[in-house]
Amino acid sequence: MKKVWRVCKIAGNVLLYVVLAIALLAVLLSVATKKDADGAATVLGKQIRIVRSDSMERCEETDVSGYVIKDLPVKTLLLIDVVPTDEKEAKEWYEAVKEGDVLTFRYQYTEQVTITHRVTKITEKGEGYLIELAGDNKASEDTLTQTIDTTDKESYNYVIGKVVWANFPLGWLVYALKTPAVVVCLIIIPCVIVIVLEIVKIVNVLGESKREKVREEAKKKEEEIEELKRRLAELEDKEKKNEEIKTNGESI
């Protein structure tokens, strides 16, 4: 039982630290995060988005083996290097864009939407570029080709930034954390378990303290009984000696 309790105690402490770390991370992200017009979060100059369509999923007709950013399944977390607001820096940024890069951009159909597709062609145009983009997944309904003219500053079609890192497991976790059931399972239930373990710990401490007090009282009573026995024995010895003295005196 002691070993089981020790294991439960260690597990409870680890769980508590994990929950506190997650809570602290959430607070730090909340403080450092800014929201884009369409709700995307920007942390330390990098935009964070989650893939919501299958247009960039794996497709046998598209070879992405030579690219840094490969297929992007739905719920993949993206880290996006945003186009600089400074005109000179923005020009240098576009000069570094090449075919095969994956860009996130705003595009106007019947309404303006956010899309993440791969660059298929770049053509210089005056002081800017015509950038053609398309999804990797040829079987997707979202495989229309888009063209963005970077020289048109008034256009509804513009580049947000380039995808520099992608991670599906982390994206799935972030997406799942938005689900009430997962929040209950990953945060609320562990917190309840930690609270219960702490209550049990407090009860055990109080119980041990009470038991220790009972033991001390019992020990004190035993010592008092032993002291009474000792005194009684001394009285009996004294009475016995008095009897012997009395008997010897009468004999004389």
Protein backbone atom coordinates (compact mmCIF):
# COMPACT_ATOMS: atom_id res chain seq x y z
CA MET A 1 0.00 0.00 0.00
CA LYS A 2 2.86 2.37 0.80
CA LYS A 3 4.43 1.74 -2.62
CA VAL A 4 1.09 2.26 -4.37
CA TRP A 5 0.53 5.48 -2.47
CA ARG A 6 4.07 6.66 -3.29
CA VAL A 7 3.50 5.97 -7.00
CA CYS A 8 0.14 7.80 -6.92
CA LYS A 9 1.76 10.73 -5.15
CA ILE A 10 4.55 11.01 -7.75
CA ALA A 11 2.05 10.66 -10.62
CA GLY A 12 -0.14 13.34 -9.07
CA ASN A 13 2.78 15.75 -8.73
CA VAL A 14 3.87 15.16 -12.34
CA LEU A 15 0.31 15.68 -13.56
CA LEU A 16 0.04 18.87 -11.55
CA TYR A 17 3.24 20.25 -13.05
CA VAL A 18 2.10 19.33 -16.58
CA VAL A 19 -1.25 21.07 -16.11
CA LEU A 20 0.45 24.14 -14.67
CA ALA A 21 2.92 24.20 -17.58
CA ILE A 22 0.08 24.00 -20.11
CA ALA A 23 -1.80 26.76 -18.29
CA LEU A 24 1.34 28.95 -18.19
CA LEU A 25 2.00 28.34 -21.89
CA ALA A 26 -1.61 29.26 -22.70
CA VAL A 27 -1.27 32.50 -20.72
CA LEU A 28 2.03 33.41 -22.41
CA LEU A 29 0.58 32.71 -25.85
CA SER A 30 -2.48 34.78 -25.03
CA VAL A 31 -0.27 37.71 -24.00
CA ALA A 32 2.05 37.43 -27.01
CA THR A 33 -0.64 36.64 -29.59
CA LYS A 34 -2.23 39.13 -31.95
CA LYS A 35 -5.21 38.28 -34.12
CA ASP A 36 -5.30 38.83 -37.87
CA ALA A 37 -8.43 40.13 -39.64
CA ASP A 38 -9.57 36.55 -40.33
CA GLY A 39 -8.73 35.31 -36.83
CA ALA A 40 -5.21 33.92 -37.40
CA ALA A 41 -2.81 34.23 -34.48
CA THR A 42 0.55 35.98 -34.81
CA VAL A 43 3.23 35.14 -32.26
CA LEU A 44 6.64 36.85 -32.28
CA GLY A 45 6.21 37.94 -35.89
CA LYS A 46 5.17 34.52 -37.18
CA GLN A 47 1.59 33.71 -38.10
CA ILE A 48 0.03 30.45 -36.95
CA ARG A 49 -2.68 28.75 -38.96
CA ILE A 50 -4.27 25.32 -39.27
CA VAL A 51 -5.01 23.68 -42.65
CA ARG A 52 -8.76 23.28 -43.14
CA SER A 53 -9.06 21.84 -46.67
CA ASP A 54 -7.59 18.84 -48.48
CA SER A 55 -6.14 20.76 -51.45
CA MET A 56 -2.56 20.23 -50.22
CA GLU A 57 -2.84 16.59 -49.16
CA ARG A 58 -0.66 13.82 -50.64
CA CYS A 59 -1.30 13.12 -54.32
CA GLU A 60 0.46 10.60 -56.58
CA GLU A 61 0.24 13.02 -59.50
CA THR A 62 2.30 15.66 -57.68
CA ASP A 63 5.95 15.07 -56.80
CA VAL A 64 6.86 17.09 -53.71
CA SER A 65 9.93 15.08 -52.68
CA GLY A 66 12.31 17.89 -53.58
CA TYR A 67 10.53 20.54 -51.54
CA VAL A 68 11.05 21.58 -47.93
CA ILE A 69 7.30 21.81 -47.30
CA LYS A 70 5.66 18.64 -48.55
CA ASP A 71 2.04 17.48 -48.30
CA LEU A 72 -0.20 19.28 -45.78
CA PRO A 73 -3.05 17.15 -44.43
CA VAL A 74 -6.11 18.78 -42.91
CA LYS A 75 -5.42 20.03 -39.34
CA THR A 76 -1.69 20.53 -40.00
CA LEU A 77 -0.24 23.42 -37.99
CA LEU A 78 1.52 26.02 -40.15
CA LEU A 79 4.12 28.60 -39.16
CA ILE A 80 4.09 31.45 -41.67
CA ASP A 81 6.76 34.05 -42.34
CA VAL A 82 4.62 37.15 -42.98
CA VAL A 83 5.41 39.56 -45.83
CA PRO A 84 7.12 42.66 -44.32
CA THR A 85 5.13 45.89 -44.27
CA ASP A 86 8.19 47.92 -45.29
CA GLU A 87 8.25 48.26 -49.10
CA LYS A 88 12.01 47.66 -49.46
CA GLU A 89 11.94 44.62 -47.15
CA ALA A 90 8.86 43.31 -48.95
CA LYS A 91 10.67 43.53 -52.30
CA GLU A 92 13.60 41.53 -50.92
CA TRP A 93 11.13 39.05 -49.43
CA TYR A 94 9.44 38.45 -52.81
CA GLU A 95 12.82 38.11 -54.53
CA ALA A 96 13.52 35.10 -52.29
CA VAL A 97 10.27 33.34 -53.23
CA LYS A 98 10.75 30.49 -55.71
CA GLU A 99 8.73 27.79 -57.44
CA GLY A 100 7.81 25.03 -55.00
CA ASP A 101 7.41 27.37 -52.02
CA VAL A 102 4.07 27.22 -50.23
CA LEU A 103 2.34 30.56 -49.71
CA THR A 104 -0.68 31.53 -47.67
CA PHE A 105 -2.73 34.26 -49.33
CA ARG A 106 -6.10 36.00 -49.48
CA TYR A 107 -8.08 35.50 -52.69
CA GLN A 108 -11.38 36.92 -53.93
CA TYR A 109 -14.01 34.61 -55.40
CA THR A 110 -17.63 35.33 -54.52
CA GLU A 111 -16.08 36.25 -51.19
CA GLN A 112 -12.53 36.68 -49.94
CA VAL A 113 -11.00 33.46 -48.60
CA THR A 114 -7.65 32.39 -47.16
CA ILE A 115 -5.79 29.74 -49.16
CA THR A 116 -2.48 27.91 -48.77
CA HIS A 117 -1.08 26.61 -52.09
CA ARG A 118 2.23 25.90 -53.79
CA VAL A 119 3.91 28.31 -56.18
CA THR A 120 3.87 26.81 -59.69
CA LYS A 121 5.24 29.76 -61.65
CA ILE A 122 6.75 33.21 -61.02
CA THR A 123 6.94 35.91 -63.69
CA GLU A 124 8.52 39.33 -63.21
CA LYS A 125 6.22 42.28 -63.82
CA GLY A 126 7.70 45.76 -63.50
CA GLU A 127 8.67 46.23 -59.85
CA GLY A 128 6.81 43.10 -58.78
CA TYR A 129 5.76 39.61 -59.79
CA LEU A 130 2.90 37.54 -61.12
CA ILE A 131 2.73 34.50 -58.86
CA GLU A 132 0.74 31.45 -59.96
CA LEU A 133 -0.30 28.97 -57.29
CA ALA A 134 -2.16 25.67 -57.14
CA GLY A 135 -2.94 22.90 -54.67
CA ASP A 136 -0.97 19.63 -54.75
CA ASN A 137 -4.03 17.39 -54.47
CA LYS A 138 -5.39 17.07 -58.02
CA ALA A 139 -8.41 15.15 -56.73
CA SER A 140 -9.52 17.99 -54.46
CA GLU A 141 -12.36 20.35 -55.35
CA ASP A 142 -10.11 23.26 -54.31
CA THR A 143 -7.47 22.79 -57.03
CA LEU A 144 -8.21 25.94 -59.01
CA THR A 145 -5.12 27.89 -60.03
CA GLN A 146 -4.76 31.36 -58.51
CA THR A 147 -2.66 34.25 -59.81
CA ILE A 148 -1.53 37.13 -57.62
CA ASP A 149 -0.17 40.38 -59.01
CA THR A 150 2.12 41.85 -56.35
CA THR A 151 2.21 45.21 -58.18
CA ASP A 152 -1.53 45.77 -57.63
CA LYS A 153 -1.62 47.29 -54.15
CA GLU A 154 -5.43 47.73 -54.24
CA SER A 155 -6.22 44.12 -55.16
CA TYR A 156 -8.24 41.83 -52.89
CA ASN A 157 -5.74 39.13 -53.85
CA TYR A 158 -2.54 39.39 -51.86
CA VAL A 159 0.11 37.20 -50.20
CA ILE A 160 0.05 36.87 -46.40
CA GLY A 161 3.31 34.97 -46.11
CA LYS A 162 5.34 31.84 -46.79
CA VAL A 163 4.95 28.57 -44.91
CA VAL A 164 8.31 27.87 -43.24
CA TRP A 165 7.32 25.00 -40.95
CA ALA A 166 4.48 22.50 -40.74
CA ASN A 167 3.53 19.87 -38.17
CA PHE A 168 0.48 17.61 -38.29
CA PRO A 169 0.52 16.06 -34.76
CA LEU A 170 0.84 19.46 -33.09
CA GLY A 171 -1.86 20.90 -35.34
CA TRP A 172 -4.16 18.01 -34.50
CA LEU A 173 -3.55 18.64 -30.79
CA VAL A 174 -4.25 22.38 -31.10
CA TYR A 175 -7.38 21.65 -33.12
CA ALA A 176 -8.51 19.05 -30.59
CA LEU A 177 -8.00 21.47 -27.69
CA LYS A 178 -10.74 23.60 -29.20
CA THR A 179 -13.19 20.72 -28.71
CA PRO A 180 -15.08 20.84 -25.38
CA ALA A 181 -14.83 17.06 -24.87
CA VAL A 182 -11.04 17.12 -25.29
CA VAL A 183 -10.72 20.13 -22.99
CA VAL A 184 -12.64 18.16 -20.37
CA CYS A 185 -10.42 15.08 -20.85
CA LEU A 186 -7.05 16.85 -21.05
CA ILE A 187 -7.52 19.74 -18.63
CA ILE A 188 -10.58 19.57 -16.40
CA ILE A 189 -10.36 15.85 -15.50
CA PRO A 190 -6.59 16.03 -14.72
CA CYS A 191 -7.24 19.13 -12.58
CA VAL A 192 -10.00 17.28 -10.72
CA ILE A 193 -7.67 14.30 -10.22
CA VAL A 194 -4.93 16.58 -8.90
CA ILE A 195 -7.39 18.25 -6.52
CA VAL A 196 -8.65 14.87 -5.29
CA LEU A 197 -5.07 13.65 -4.76
CA GLU A 198 -4.25 16.81 -2.82
CA ILE A 199 -7.38 16.37 -0.67
CA VAL A 200 -6.43 12.75 0.00
CA LYS A 201 -2.92 13.91 0.89
CA ILE A 202 -4.29 16.51 3.32
CA VAL A 203 -6.68 13.97 4.87
CA ASN A 204 -3.81 11.50 5.29
CA VAL A 205 -1.62 14.18 6.87
CA LEU A 206 -4.40 15.15 9.24
CA GLY A 207 -5.11 11.48 9.96
CA GLU A 208 -1.43 10.78 10.60
CA SER A 209 -1.25 13.83 12.86
CA LYS A 210 -4.28 12.61 14.79
CA ARG A 211 -2.84 9.09 15.03
CA GLU A 212 0.47 10.52 16.23
CA LYS A 213 -1.36 12.50 18.89
CA VAL A 214 -3.24 9.36 20.02
CA ARG A 215 0.05 7.44 20.15
CA GLU A 216 1.64 10.20 22.22
CA GLU A 217 -1.32 10.22 24.63
CA ALA A 218 -1.23 6.42 24.90
CA LYS A 219 2.51 6.50 25.54
CA LYS A 220 2.02 9.17 28.18
CA LYS A 221 -0.66 7.08 29.90
CA GLU A 222 1.59 4.01 29.77
CA GLU A 223 4.37 6.05 31.36
CA GLU A 224 1.96 7.26 34.05
CA ILE A 225 0.82 3.66 34.70
CA GLU A 226 4.42 2.52 34.90
CA GLU A 227 5.16 5.35 37.32
CA LEU A 228 2.14 4.35 39.47
CA LYS A 229 3.31 0.72 39.41
CA ARG A 230 6.79 1.81 40.45
CA ARG A 231 5.45 3.89 43.33
CA LEU A 232 3.12 1.08 44.37
CA ALA A 233 6.03 -1.33 44.37
CA GLU A 234 8.05 1.08 46.50
CA LEU A 235 5.15 1.37 48.98
CA GLU A 236 4.81 -2.41 49.11
CA ASP A 237 8.56 -2.78 49.73
CA LYS A 238 8.44 -0.12 52.43
CA GLU A 239 5.44 -1.75 54.10
CA LYS A 240 7.13 -5.12 53.92
CA LYS A 241 10.27 -3.73 55.56
CA ASN A 242 8.17 -2.11 58.28
CA GLU A 243 6.47 -5.45 58.93
CA GLU A 244 9.83 -7.18 59.18
CA ILE A 245 11.15 -4.53 61.60
CA LYS A 246 8.00 -4.85 63.72
CA THR A 247 8.26 -8.65 63.74
CA ASN A 248 11.95 -8.55 64.72
CA GLY A 249 11.20 -6.07 67.52
CA GLU A 250 8.49 -8.24 69.04
CA SER A 251 10.84 -11.23 68.91
CA ILE A 252 13.43 -9.41 70.94
